[in-house]
N, C-alpha and C. Protein backbone atom coordinates (compact mmCIF):
# COMPACT_ATOMS: atom_id res chain seq x y z
N UNK A 1 78.78 67.08 113.29
CA UNK A 1 79.68 68.00 113.98
C UNK A 1 81.06 68.04 113.32
N UNK A 2 81.58 66.89 112.90
CA UNK A 2 82.94 66.86 112.36
C UNK A 2 83.02 67.67 111.06
N UNK A 3 81.96 67.62 110.24
CA UNK A 3 81.98 68.39 108.99
C UNK A 3 82.03 69.89 109.29
N UNK A 4 81.29 70.31 110.31
CA UNK A 4 81.29 71.74 110.67
C UNK A 4 82.69 72.17 111.12
N UNK A 5 83.36 71.36 111.92
CA UNK A 5 84.70 71.69 112.39
C UNK A 5 85.69 71.78 111.23
N UNK A 6 85.58 70.85 110.28
CA UNK A 6 86.47 70.89 109.12
C UNK A 6 86.22 72.14 108.30
N UNK A 7 84.95 72.50 108.14
CA UNK A 7 84.61 73.69 107.36
C UNK A 7 85.15 74.95 108.03
N UNK A 8 85.05 75.04 109.34
CA UNK A 8 85.59 76.19 110.06
C UNK A 8 87.10 76.28 109.88
N UNK A 9 87.79 75.16 109.90
CA UNK A 9 89.24 75.16 109.69
C UNK A 9 89.61 75.70 108.33
N UNK A 10 88.84 75.33 107.31
CA UNK A 10 89.10 75.82 105.96
C UNK A 10 88.88 77.34 105.91
N UNK A 11 87.82 77.82 106.56
CA UNK A 11 87.55 79.26 106.58
C UNK A 11 88.69 80.01 107.26
N UNK A 12 89.21 79.46 108.36
CA UNK A 12 90.28 80.14 109.08
C UNK A 12 91.55 80.18 108.23
N UNK A 13 91.83 79.12 107.51
CA UNK A 13 93.02 79.12 106.65
C UNK A 13 92.88 80.12 105.52
N UNK A 14 91.68 80.24 104.96
CA UNK A 14 91.43 81.22 103.91
C UNK A 14 91.56 82.63 104.44
N UNK A 15 91.07 82.86 105.66
CA UNK A 15 91.19 84.17 106.28
C UNK A 15 92.65 84.50 106.54
N UNK A 16 93.41 83.55 107.04
CA UNK A 16 94.83 83.78 107.28
C UNK A 16 95.55 84.12 105.99
N UNK A 17 95.25 83.42 104.93
CA UNK A 17 95.88 83.70 103.63
C UNK A 17 95.52 85.11 103.16
N UNK A 18 94.27 85.50 103.32
CA UNK A 18 93.84 86.83 102.90
C UNK A 18 94.56 87.92 103.70
N UNK A 19 94.67 87.73 104.99
CA UNK A 19 95.34 88.71 105.84
C UNK A 19 96.82 88.80 105.47
N UNK A 20 97.43 87.66 105.18
CA UNK A 20 98.85 87.67 104.79
C UNK A 20 99.03 88.44 103.48
N UNK A 21 98.14 88.23 102.52
CA UNK A 21 98.25 88.93 101.23
C UNK A 21 98.10 90.43 101.43
N UNK A 22 97.12 90.85 102.23
CA UNK A 22 96.93 92.28 102.49
C UNK A 22 98.15 92.85 103.20
N UNK A 23 98.71 92.11 104.15
CA UNK A 23 99.91 92.55 104.86
C UNK A 23 101.09 92.74 103.92
N UNK A 24 101.27 91.81 102.99
CA UNK A 24 102.37 91.93 102.03
C UNK A 24 102.17 93.16 101.15
N UNK A 25 100.95 93.40 100.72
CA UNK A 25 100.67 94.59 99.89
C UNK A 25 100.99 95.87 100.66
N UNK A 26 100.62 95.93 101.93
CA UNK A 26 100.90 97.12 102.74
C UNK A 26 102.41 97.31 102.89
N UNK A 27 103.13 96.24 103.15
CA UNK A 27 104.59 96.35 103.31
C UNK A 27 105.23 96.82 102.01
N UNK A 28 104.79 96.29 100.88
CA UNK A 28 105.35 96.70 99.59
C UNK A 28 105.07 98.18 99.35
N UNK A 29 103.88 98.65 99.70
CA UNK A 29 103.58 100.07 99.53
C UNK A 29 104.47 100.94 100.40
N UNK A 30 104.69 100.54 101.66
CA UNK A 30 105.55 101.31 102.55
C UNK A 30 106.98 101.34 102.02
N UNK A 31 107.47 100.22 101.51
CA UNK A 31 108.83 100.17 100.96
C UNK A 31 108.93 101.09 99.74
N UNK A 32 107.92 101.08 98.88
CA UNK A 32 107.93 101.94 97.69
C UNK A 32 107.96 103.41 98.10
N UNK A 33 107.14 103.79 99.07
CA UNK A 33 107.13 105.19 99.53
C UNK A 33 108.47 105.55 100.15
N UNK A 34 109.04 104.67 100.93
CA UNK A 34 110.34 104.93 101.56
C UNK A 34 111.43 105.12 100.50
N UNK A 35 111.44 104.26 99.49
CA UNK A 35 112.43 104.37 98.42
C UNK A 35 112.25 105.67 97.63
N UNK A 36 111.01 106.07 97.40
CA UNK A 36 110.78 107.35 96.71
C UNK A 36 111.29 108.51 97.56
N UNK A 37 111.07 108.44 98.87
CA UNK A 37 111.55 109.50 99.77
C UNK A 37 113.07 109.56 99.77
N UNK A 38 113.71 108.42 99.82
CA UNK A 38 115.18 108.37 99.83
C UNK A 38 115.73 108.84 98.49
N UNK A 39 115.06 108.52 97.40
CA UNK A 39 115.56 108.83 96.07
C UNK A 39 115.44 110.29 95.66
N UNK A 40 114.65 111.08 96.39
CA UNK A 40 114.47 112.46 95.93
C UNK A 40 115.51 113.41 96.45
């Protein structure tokens, strides 16, 4: 049982990291579009 719990914890941390990376990419895209809109 303890090995399964540890494995689930690792999966959740990997999922959190993936979601954070995708979130950062989305924010960077929104900032780029906003700057292009302001610059024109």
